[in-house]
Full PDB file with SEQRES, HELIX, SHEET, SSBOND, CRYST1, ORIGX, SCALE, CONECT and MASTER records, all heavy atoms in Angstrom:
SEQRES   1 A   34  GLN VAL ALA ILE ILE LEU PHE THR ALA ALA TYR ILE ALA          
SEQRES   2 A   34  GLU VAL VAL ARG GLY GLY LEU GLN GLY MET ASN LYS GLY          
SEQRES   3 A   34  GLN PHE GLU ALA ALA ASP SER ILE                              
HELIX    1 AA1 VAL A    2  GLN A   21  1                                  20    
HELIX    2 AA2 LYS A   25  SER A   33  1                                   9    
CRYST1    1.000    1.000    1.000  90.00  90.00  90.00 P 1           1          
ORIGX1      1.000000  0.000000  0.000000        0.00000                         
ORIGX2      0.000000  1.000000  0.000000        0.00000                         
ORIGX3      0.000000  0.000000  1.000000        0.00000                         
SCALE1      1.000000  0.000000  0.000000        0.00000                         
SCALE2      0.000000  1.000000  0.000000        0.00000                         
SCALE3      0.000000  0.000000  1.000000        0.00000                         
ATOM      1  N   GLN A   1    -172.102 142.638 -84.652  1.00  0.00           N  
ATOM      2  CA  GLN A   1    -173.241 142.820 -83.821  1.00  0.00           C  
ATOM      3  C   GLN A   1    -172.786 143.062 -82.383  1.00  0.00           C  
ATOM      4  O   GLN A   1    -173.324 143.928 -81.761  1.00  0.00           O  
ATOM      5  CB  GLN A   1    -174.258 141.749 -84.073  1.00  0.00           C  
ATOM      6  CG  GLN A   1    -175.624 141.896 -83.253  1.00  0.00           C  
ATOM      7  CD  GLN A   1    -176.483 142.881 -83.966  1.00  0.00           C  
ATOM      8  OE1 GLN A   1    -177.154 142.536 -84.855  1.00  0.00           O  
ATOM      9  NE2 GLN A   1    -176.455 144.167 -83.576  1.00  0.00           N  
ATOM     10  N   VAL A   2    -172.050 142.149 -81.923  1.00  0.00           N  
ATOM     11  CA  VAL A   2    -171.710 142.226 -80.490  1.00  0.00           C  
ATOM     12  C   VAL A   2    -170.871 143.466 -80.206  1.00  0.00           C  
ATOM     13  O   VAL A   2    -170.942 144.101 -79.128  1.00  0.00           O  
ATOM     14  CB  VAL A   2    -170.749 140.904 -80.010  1.00  0.00           C  
ATOM     15  CG1 VAL A   2    -170.164 141.158 -78.676  1.00  0.00           C  
ATOM     16  CG2 VAL A   2    -171.644 139.773 -80.258  1.00  0.00           C  
ATOM     17  N   ALA A   3    -170.023 143.890 -81.223  1.00  0.00           N  
ATOM     18  CA  ALA A   3    -169.078 145.129 -80.946  1.00  0.00           C  
ATOM     19  C   ALA A   3    -170.061 146.302 -80.911  1.00  0.00           C  
ATOM     20  O   ALA A   3    -169.845 147.151 -80.045  1.00  0.00           O  
ATOM     21  CB  ALA A   3    -168.099 145.295 -82.056  1.00  0.00           C  
ATOM     22  N   ILE A   4    -171.110 146.396 -81.884  1.00  0.00           N  
ATOM     23  CA  ILE A   4    -172.051 147.596 -81.762  1.00  0.00           C  
ATOM     24  C   ILE A   4    -172.752 147.579 -80.459  1.00  0.00           C  
ATOM     25  O   ILE A   4    -172.992 148.586 -79.874  1.00  0.00           O  
ATOM     26  CB  ILE A   4    -172.890 147.401 -83.062  1.00  0.00           C  
ATOM     27  CG1 ILE A   4    -172.111 147.735 -84.225  1.00  0.00           C  
ATOM     28  CG2 ILE A   4    -174.117 148.475 -82.972  1.00  0.00           C  
ATOM     29  CD1 ILE A   4    -172.985 147.353 -85.561  1.00  0.00           C  
ATOM     30  N   ILE A   5    -173.204 146.399 -79.896  1.00  0.00           N  
ATOM     31  CA  ILE A   5    -174.014 146.276 -78.805  1.00  0.00           C  
ATOM     32  C   ILE A   5    -173.248 146.902 -77.588  1.00  0.00           C  
ATOM     33  O   ILE A   5    -173.649 147.677 -76.768  1.00  0.00           O  
ATOM     34  CB  ILE A   5    -174.440 144.857 -78.490  1.00  0.00           C  
ATOM     35  CG1 ILE A   5    -175.626 144.516 -79.539  1.00  0.00           C  
ATOM     36  CG2 ILE A   5    -175.052 144.844 -77.074  1.00  0.00           C  
ATOM     37  CD1 ILE A   5    -176.005 143.096 -79.420  1.00  0.00           C  
ATOM     38  N   LEU A   6    -171.864 146.328 -77.450  1.00  0.00           N  
ATOM     39  CA  LEU A   6    -171.176 146.747 -76.317  1.00  0.00           C  
ATOM     40  C   LEU A   6    -170.747 148.350 -76.432  1.00  0.00           C  
ATOM     41  O   LEU A   6    -170.748 148.884 -75.279  1.00  0.00           O  
ATOM     42  CB  LEU A   6    -169.771 145.961 -76.431  1.00  0.00           C  
ATOM     43  CG  LEU A   6    -169.963 144.520 -76.197  1.00  0.00           C  
ATOM     44  CD1 LEU A   6    -168.539 143.770 -76.275  1.00  0.00           C  
ATOM     45  CD2 LEU A   6    -170.570 144.212 -74.759  1.00  0.00           C  
ATOM     46  N   PHE A   7    -170.618 148.743 -77.535  1.00  0.00           N  
ATOM     47  CA  PHE A   7    -170.242 150.156 -77.733  1.00  0.00           C  
ATOM     48  C   PHE A   7    -171.467 151.091 -77.392  1.00  0.00           C  
ATOM     49  O   PHE A   7    -171.316 152.009 -76.658  1.00  0.00           O  
ATOM     50  CB  PHE A   7    -169.752 150.405 -79.230  1.00  0.00           C  
ATOM     51  CG  PHE A   7    -169.347 151.790 -79.472  1.00  0.00           C  
ATOM     52  CD1 PHE A   7    -168.083 152.404 -79.164  1.00  0.00           C  
ATOM     53  CD2 PHE A   7    -170.194 152.861 -80.046  1.00  0.00           C  
ATOM     54  CE1 PHE A   7    -167.743 153.560 -79.345  1.00  0.00           C  
ATOM     55  CE2 PHE A   7    -169.787 154.141 -80.378  1.00  0.00           C  
ATOM     56  CZ  PHE A   7    -168.584 154.588 -79.902  1.00  0.00           C  
ATOM     57  N   THR A   8    -172.587 150.770 -77.938  1.00  0.00           N  
ATOM     58  CA  THR A   8    -173.686 151.597 -77.674  1.00  0.00           C  
ATOM     59  C   THR A   8    -174.229 151.532 -76.197  1.00  0.00           C  
ATOM     60  O   THR A   8    -174.584 152.547 -75.683  1.00  0.00           O  
ATOM     61  CB  THR A   8    -174.881 151.148 -78.586  1.00  0.00           C  
ATOM     62  OG1 THR A   8    -174.496 151.135 -79.973  1.00  0.00           O  
ATOM     63  CG2 THR A   8    -176.116 152.014 -78.453  1.00  0.00           C  
ATOM     64  N   ALA A   9    -174.039 150.448 -75.635  1.00  0.00           N  
ATOM     65  CA  ALA A   9    -174.461 150.131 -74.158  1.00  0.00           C  
ATOM     66  C   ALA A   9    -173.714 151.074 -73.296  1.00  0.00           C  
ATOM     67  O   ALA A   9    -174.271 151.650 -72.256  1.00  0.00           O  
ATOM     68  CB  ALA A   9    -174.258 148.796 -73.711  1.00  0.00           C  
ATOM     69  N   ALA A  10    -172.426 151.462 -73.524  1.00  0.00           N  
ATOM     70  CA  ALA A  10    -171.621 152.279 -72.672  1.00  0.00           C  
ATOM     71  C   ALA A  10    -172.141 153.651 -72.872  1.00  0.00           C  
ATOM     72  O   ALA A  10    -172.234 154.371 -71.768  1.00  0.00           O  
ATOM     73  CB  ALA A  10    -170.253 152.288 -73.125  1.00  0.00           C  
ATOM     74  N   TYR A  11    -172.657 154.200 -73.909  1.00  0.00           N  
ATOM     75  CA  TYR A  11    -173.180 155.583 -73.963  1.00  0.00           C  
ATOM     76  C   TYR A  11    -174.588 155.526 -73.380  1.00  0.00           C  
ATOM     77  O   TYR A  11    -174.986 156.589 -72.703  1.00  0.00           O  
ATOM     78  CB  TYR A  11    -173.200 156.010 -75.464  1.00  0.00           C  
ATOM     79  CG  TYR A  11    -171.820 156.388 -75.999  1.00  0.00           C  
ATOM     80  CD1 TYR A  11    -171.021 155.437 -76.507  1.00  0.00           C  
ATOM     81  CD2 TYR A  11    -171.437 157.526 -76.034  1.00  0.00           C  
ATOM     82  CE1 TYR A  11    -169.771 155.750 -76.941  1.00  0.00           C  
ATOM     83  CE2 TYR A  11    -170.101 158.097 -76.444  1.00  0.00           C  
ATOM     84  CZ  TYR A  11    -169.360 157.061 -76.905  1.00  0.00           C  
ATOM     85  OH  TYR A  11    -168.037 157.416 -77.351  1.00  0.00           O  
ATOM     86  N   ILE A  12    -175.353 154.585 -73.639  1.00  0.00           N  
ATOM     87  CA  ILE A  12    -176.670 154.585 -72.877  1.00  0.00           C  
ATOM     88  C   ILE A  12    -176.625 154.541 -71.433  1.00  0.00           C  
ATOM     89  O   ILE A  12    -177.245 155.147 -70.760  1.00  0.00           O  
ATOM     90  CB  ILE A  12    -177.420 153.221 -73.400  1.00  0.00           C  
ATOM     91  CG1 ILE A  12    -177.798 153.287 -74.810  1.00  0.00           C  
ATOM     92  CG2 ILE A  12    -178.712 153.017 -72.544  1.00  0.00           C  
ATOM     93  CD1 ILE A  12    -178.781 154.498 -75.158  1.00  0.00           C  
ATOM     94  N   ALA A  13    -175.434 153.725 -70.836  1.00  0.00           N  
ATOM     95  CA  ALA A  13    -175.328 153.739 -69.384  1.00  0.00           C  
ATOM     96  C   ALA A  13    -175.122 155.181 -68.869  1.00  0.00           C  
ATOM     97  O   ALA A  13    -175.672 155.458 -67.850  1.00  0.00           O  
ATOM     98  CB  ALA A  13    -174.114 152.910 -69.104  1.00  0.00           C  
ATOM     99  N   GLU A  14    -174.432 155.918 -69.627  1.00  0.00           N  
ATOM    100  CA  GLU A  14    -174.096 157.329 -69.101  1.00  0.00           C  
ATOM    101  C   GLU A  14    -175.211 158.233 -69.038  1.00  0.00           C  
ATOM    102  O   GLU A  14    -175.573 159.057 -68.222  1.00  0.00           O  
ATOM    103  CB  GLU A  14    -172.960 158.075 -69.877  1.00  0.00           C  
ATOM    104  CG  GLU A  14    -171.629 157.356 -69.494  1.00  0.00           C  
ATOM    105  CD  GLU A  14    -171.315 157.719 -67.898  1.00  0.00           C  
ATOM    106  OE1 GLU A  14    -170.702 158.783 -67.629  1.00  0.00           O  
ATOM    107  OE2 GLU A  14    -171.607 156.781 -67.137  1.00  0.00           O  
ATOM    108  N   VAL A  15    -176.121 158.026 -70.154  1.00  0.00           N  
ATOM    109  CA  VAL A  15    -177.282 158.744 -70.301  1.00  0.00           C  
ATOM    110  C   VAL A  15    -178.249 158.376 -69.086  1.00  0.00           C  
ATOM    111  O   VAL A  15    -178.970 159.238 -68.392  1.00  0.00           O  
ATOM    112  CB  VAL A  15    -178.110 158.450 -71.571  1.00  0.00           C  
ATOM    113  CG1 VAL A  15    -179.424 159.137 -71.701  1.00  0.00           C  
ATOM    114  CG2 VAL A  15    -177.217 159.136 -72.730  1.00  0.00           C  
ATOM    115  N   VAL A  16    -178.557 156.942 -68.883  1.00  0.00           N  
ATOM    116  CA  VAL A  16    -179.415 156.541 -67.854  1.00  0.00           C  
ATOM    117  C   VAL A  16    -178.910 156.982 -66.487  1.00  0.00           C  
ATOM    118  O   VAL A  16    -179.702 157.334 -65.627  1.00  0.00           O  
ATOM    119  CB  VAL A  16    -179.515 155.013 -67.978  1.00  0.00           C  
ATOM    120  CG1 VAL A  16    -180.331 154.517 -66.800  1.00  0.00           C  
ATOM    121  CG2 VAL A  16    -180.144 154.716 -69.224  1.00  0.00           C  
ATOM    122  N   ARG A  17    -177.509 156.986 -66.208  1.00  0.00           N  
ATOM    123  CA  ARG A  17    -176.930 157.467 -64.969  1.00  0.00           C  
ATOM    124  C   ARG A  17    -177.334 158.914 -64.757  1.00  0.00           C  
ATOM    125  O   ARG A  17    -177.563 159.337 -63.613  1.00  0.00           O  
ATOM    126  CB  ARG A  17    -175.449 157.321 -65.041  1.00  0.00           C  
ATOM    127  CG  ARG A  17    -174.773 157.659 -63.669  1.00  0.00           C  
ATOM    128  CD  ARG A  17    -173.255 157.178 -63.713  1.00  0.00           C  
ATOM    129  NE  ARG A  17    -172.515 158.037 -64.493  1.00  0.00           N  
ATOM    130  CZ  ARG A  17    -171.860 159.197 -64.137  1.00  0.00           C  
ATOM    131  NH1 ARG A  17    -171.836 159.368 -62.956  1.00  0.00           N  
ATOM    132  NH2 ARG A  17    -171.055 159.797 -64.937  1.00  0.00           N  
ATOM    133  N   GLY A  18    -177.375 159.817 -65.818  1.00  0.00           N  
ATOM    134  CA  GLY A  18    -177.722 161.064 -65.589  1.00  0.00           C  
ATOM    135  C   GLY A  18    -179.205 161.195 -65.080  1.00  0.00           C  
ATOM    136  O   GLY A  18    -179.523 161.960 -64.306  1.00  0.00           O  
ATOM    137  N   GLY A  19    -180.049 160.319 -65.633  1.00  0.00           N  
ATOM    138  CA  GLY A  19    -181.512 160.287 -65.270  1.00  0.00           C  
ATOM    139  C   GLY A  19    -181.621 159.970 -63.717  1.00  0.00           C  
ATOM    140  O   GLY A  19    -182.492 160.521 -62.948  1.00  0.00           O  
ATOM    141  N   LEU A  20    -180.825 158.921 -63.375  1.00  0.00           N  
ATOM    142  CA  LEU A  20    -180.772 158.386 -61.929  1.00  0.00           C  
ATOM    143  C   LEU A  20    -180.248 159.398 -60.959  1.00  0.00           C  
ATOM    144  O   LEU A  20    -180.935 159.689 -59.908  1.00  0.00           O  
ATOM    145  CB  LEU A  20    -180.082 157.161 -61.808  1.00  0.00           C  
ATOM    146  CG  LEU A  20    -180.360 155.943 -62.565  1.00  0.00           C  
ATOM    147  CD1 LEU A  20    -179.433 154.759 -62.432  1.00  0.00           C  
ATOM    148  CD2 LEU A  20    -181.778 155.449 -62.034  1.00  0.00           C  
ATOM    149  N   GLN A  21    -179.283 160.253 -61.443  1.00  0.00           N  
ATOM    150  CA  GLN A  21    -178.800 161.293 -60.459  1.00  0.00           C  
ATOM    151  C   GLN A  21    -179.755 162.465 -60.457  1.00  0.00           C  
ATOM    152  O   GLN A  21    -179.733 163.166 -59.417  1.00  0.00           O  
ATOM    153  CB  GLN A  21    -177.435 161.747 -60.969  1.00  0.00           C  
ATOM    154  CG  GLN A  21    -176.314 160.794 -60.877  1.00  0.00           C  
ATOM    155  CD  GLN A  21    -174.969 161.383 -61.383  1.00  0.00           C  
ATOM    156  OE1 GLN A  21    -175.031 162.194 -62.139  1.00  0.00           O  
ATOM    157  NE2 GLN A  21    -173.824 160.846 -60.823  1.00  0.00           N  
ATOM    158  N   GLY A  22    -180.671 162.558 -61.460  1.00  0.00           N  
ATOM    159  CA  GLY A  22    -181.633 163.743 -61.371  1.00  0.00           C  
ATOM    160  C   GLY A  22    -182.823 163.330 -60.536  1.00  0.00           C  
ATOM    161  O   GLY A  22    -183.681 164.252 -60.370  1.00  0.00           O  
ATOM    162  N   MET A  23    -182.900 162.152 -60.040  1.00  0.00           N  
ATOM    163  CA  MET A  23    -184.035 161.795 -59.191  1.00  0.00           C  
ATOM    164  C   MET A  23    -183.879 162.378 -57.725  1.00  0.00           C  
ATOM    165  O   MET A  23    -182.836 162.357 -57.173  1.00  0.00           O  
ATOM    166  CB  MET A  23    -184.255 160.328 -58.965  1.00  0.00           C  
ATOM    167  CG  MET A  23    -184.462 159.583 -60.389  1.00  0.00           C  
ATOM    168  SD  MET A  23    -186.044 160.142 -61.155  1.00  0.00           S  
ATOM    169  CE  MET A  23    -187.200 159.823 -59.852  1.00  0.00           C  
ATOM    170  N   ASN A  24    -184.991 162.823 -57.287  1.00  0.00           N  
ATOM    171  CA  ASN A  24    -185.105 163.479 -55.878  1.00  0.00           C  
ATOM    172  C   ASN A  24    -184.836 162.328 -54.856  1.00  0.00           C  
ATOM    173  O   ASN A  24    -185.335 161.235 -54.917  1.00  0.00           O  
ATOM    174  CB  ASN A  24    -186.375 164.170 -55.637  1.00  0.00           C  
ATOM    175  CG  ASN A  24    -186.413 165.068 -54.429  1.00  0.00           C  
ATOM    176  OD1 ASN A  24    -185.884 164.602 -53.391  1.00  0.00           O  
ATOM    177  ND2 ASN A  24    -186.957 166.247 -54.428  1.00  0.00           N  
ATOM    178  N   LYS A  25    -183.947 162.674 -53.852  1.00  0.00           N  
ATOM    179  CA  LYS A  25    -183.741 161.552 -52.732  1.00  0.00           C  
ATOM    180  C   LYS A  25    -185.073 161.306 -52.046  1.00  0.00           C  
ATOM    181  O   LYS A  25    -185.056 160.168 -51.455  1.00  0.00           O  
ATOM    182  CB  LYS A  25    -182.717 162.119 -51.776  1.00  0.00           C  
ATOM    183  CG  LYS A  25    -181.213 162.391 -52.437  1.00  0.00           C  
ATOM    184  CD  LYS A  25    -180.348 162.716 -51.393  1.00  0.00           C  
ATOM    185  CE  LYS A  25    -178.911 162.869 -51.953  1.00  0.00           C  
ATOM    186  NZ  LYS A  25    -177.865 163.198 -50.950  1.00  0.00           N  
ATOM    187  N   GLY A  26    -186.078 162.121 -52.138  1.00  0.00           N  
ATOM    188  CA  GLY A  26    -187.231 161.817 -51.407  1.00  0.00           C  
ATOM    189  C   GLY A  26    -187.921 160.624 -52.111  1.00  0.00           C  
ATOM    190  O   GLY A  26    -188.627 159.909 -51.385  1.00  0.00           O  
ATOM    191  N   GLN A  27    -187.648 160.339 -53.396  1.00  0.00           N  
ATOM    192  CA  GLN A  27    -188.199 159.056 -53.948  1.00  0.00           C  
ATOM    193  C   GLN A  27    -187.719 157.906 -53.311  1.00  0.00           C  
ATOM    194  O   GLN A  27    -188.452 156.861 -53.096  1.00  0.00           O  
ATOM    195  CB  GLN A  27    -187.927 159.051 -55.516  1.00  0.00           C  
ATOM    196  CG  GLN A  27    -188.294 160.356 -56.194  1.00  0.00           C  
ATOM    197  CD  GLN A  27    -189.981 160.206 -56.493  1.00  0.00           C  
ATOM    198  OE1 GLN A  27    -190.500 159.172 -56.479  1.00  0.00           O  
ATOM    199  NE2 GLN A  27    -190.539 161.389 -56.748  1.00  0.00           N  
ATOM    200  N   PHE A  28    -186.397 157.820 -53.069  1.00  0.00           N  
ATOM    201  CA  PHE A  28    -185.745 156.668 -52.378  1.00  0.00           C  
ATOM    202  C   PHE A  28    -186.310 156.561 -50.940  1.00  0.00           C  
ATOM    203  O   PHE A  28    -186.611 155.549 -50.471  1.00  0.00           O  
ATOM    204  CB  PHE A  28    -184.372 156.777 -52.364  1.00  0.00           C  
ATOM    205  CG  PHE A  28    -183.609 156.782 -53.787  1.00  0.00           C  
ATOM    206  CD1 PHE A  28    -183.452 158.030 -54.482  1.00  0.00           C  
ATOM    207  CD2 PHE A  28    -183.287 155.523 -54.321  1.00  0.00           C  
ATOM    208  CE1 PHE A  28    -182.942 157.886 -55.654  1.00  0.00           C  
ATOM    209  CE2 PHE A  28    -182.659 155.538 -55.590  1.00  0.00           C  
ATOM    210  CZ  PHE A  28    -182.513 156.691 -56.302  1.00  0.00           C  
ATOM    211  N   GLU A  29    -186.346 157.644 -50.261  1.00  0.00           N  
ATOM    212  CA  GLU A  29    -186.855 157.615 -48.857  1.00  0.00           C  
ATOM    213  C   GLU A  29    -188.280 157.200 -48.683  1.00  0.00           C  
ATOM    214  O   GLU A  29    -188.621 156.438 -47.787  1.00  0.00           O  
ATOM    215  CB  GLU A  29    -186.740 159.002 -48.300  1.00  0.00           C  
ATOM    216  CG  GLU A  29    -185.224 159.550 -48.192  1.00  0.00           C  
ATOM    217  CD  GLU A  29    -185.101 160.867 -47.726  1.00  0.00           C  
ATOM    218  OE1 GLU A  29    -186.130 161.534 -47.621  1.00  0.00           O  
ATOM    219  OE2 GLU A  29    -183.981 161.299 -47.561  1.00  0.00           O  
ATOM    220  N   ALA A  30    -189.180 157.549 -49.782  1.00  0.00           N  
ATOM    221  CA  ALA A  30    -190.537 157.114 -49.756  1.00  0.00           C  
ATOM    222  C   ALA A  30    -190.605 155.629 -49.988  1.00  0.00           C  
ATOM    223  O   ALA A  30    -191.396 154.977 -49.351  1.00  0.00           O  
ATOM    224  CB  ALA A  30    -191.306 157.954 -50.888  1.00  0.00           C  
ATOM    225  N   ALA A  31    -189.753 155.149 -50.972  1.00  0.00           N  
ATOM    226  CA  ALA A  31    -189.610 153.672 -51.227  1.00  0.00           C  
ATOM    227  C   ALA A  31    -189.248 153.008 -49.876  1.00  0.00           C  
ATOM    228  O   ALA A  31    -189.844 151.887 -49.523  1.00  0.00           O  
ATOM    229  CB  ALA A  31    -188.729 153.431 -52.274  1.00  0.00           C  
ATOM    230  N   ASP A  32    -188.369 153.441 -49.187  1.00  0.00           N  
ATOM    231  CA  ASP A  32    -187.891 152.847 -47.955  1.00  0.00           C  
ATOM    232  C   ASP A  32    -188.894 152.741 -46.802  1.00  0.00           C  
ATOM    233  O   ASP A  32    -189.083 151.792 -46.099  1.00  0.00           O  
ATOM    234  CB  ASP A  32    -186.564 153.491 -47.397  1.00  0.00           C  
ATOM    235  CG  ASP A  32    -185.391 153.281 -48.286  1.00  0.00           C  
ATOM    236  OD1 ASP A  32    -185.451 152.153 -48.906  1.00  0.00           O  
ATOM    237  OD2 ASP A  32    -184.455 154.067 -48.240  1.00  0.00           O  
ATOM    238  N   SER A  33    -189.736 153.761 -46.856  1.00  0.00           N  
ATOM    239  CA  SER A  33    -190.669 153.968 -45.847  1.00  0.00           C  
ATOM    240  C   SER A  33    -191.900 152.930 -46.122  1.00  0.00           C  
ATOM    241  O   SER A  33    -192.574 152.611 -45.057  1.00  0.00           O  
ATOM    242  CB  SER A  33    -191.359 155.449 -45.801  1.00  0.00           C  
ATOM    243  OG  SER A  33    -192.018 155.679 -47.079  1.00  0.00           O  
ATOM    244  N   ILE A  34    -192.076 152.523 -47.187  1.00  0.00           N  
ATOM    245  CA  ILE A  34    -193.089 151.475 -47.396  1.00  0.00           C  
ATOM    246  C   ILE A  34    -192.642 150.107 -47.595  1.00  0.00           C  
ATOM    247  O   ILE A  34    -193.361 149.098 -47.906  1.00  0.00           O  
ATOM    248  CB  ILE A  34    -194.063 151.842 -48.760  1.00  0.00           C  
ATOM    249  CG1 ILE A  34    -193.181 151.869 -49.890  1.00  0.00           C  
ATOM    250  CG2 ILE A  34    -194.784 153.199 -48.579  1.00  0.00           C  
ATOM    251  CD1 ILE A  34    -193.972 152.212 -51.217  1.00  0.00           C  
TER     252      ILE A  34                                                      
MASTER        0    0    0    2    0    0    0    6  251    1    0    3          
END                                                                             
């Protein structure tokens, strides 16, 4: 179970990182402004 969790998490991390990189920088700037 632990091996499957560790293996799957690495692939999920790269998918989520793609989503984070797809965010507009204006979203971060708006968060900083408030």
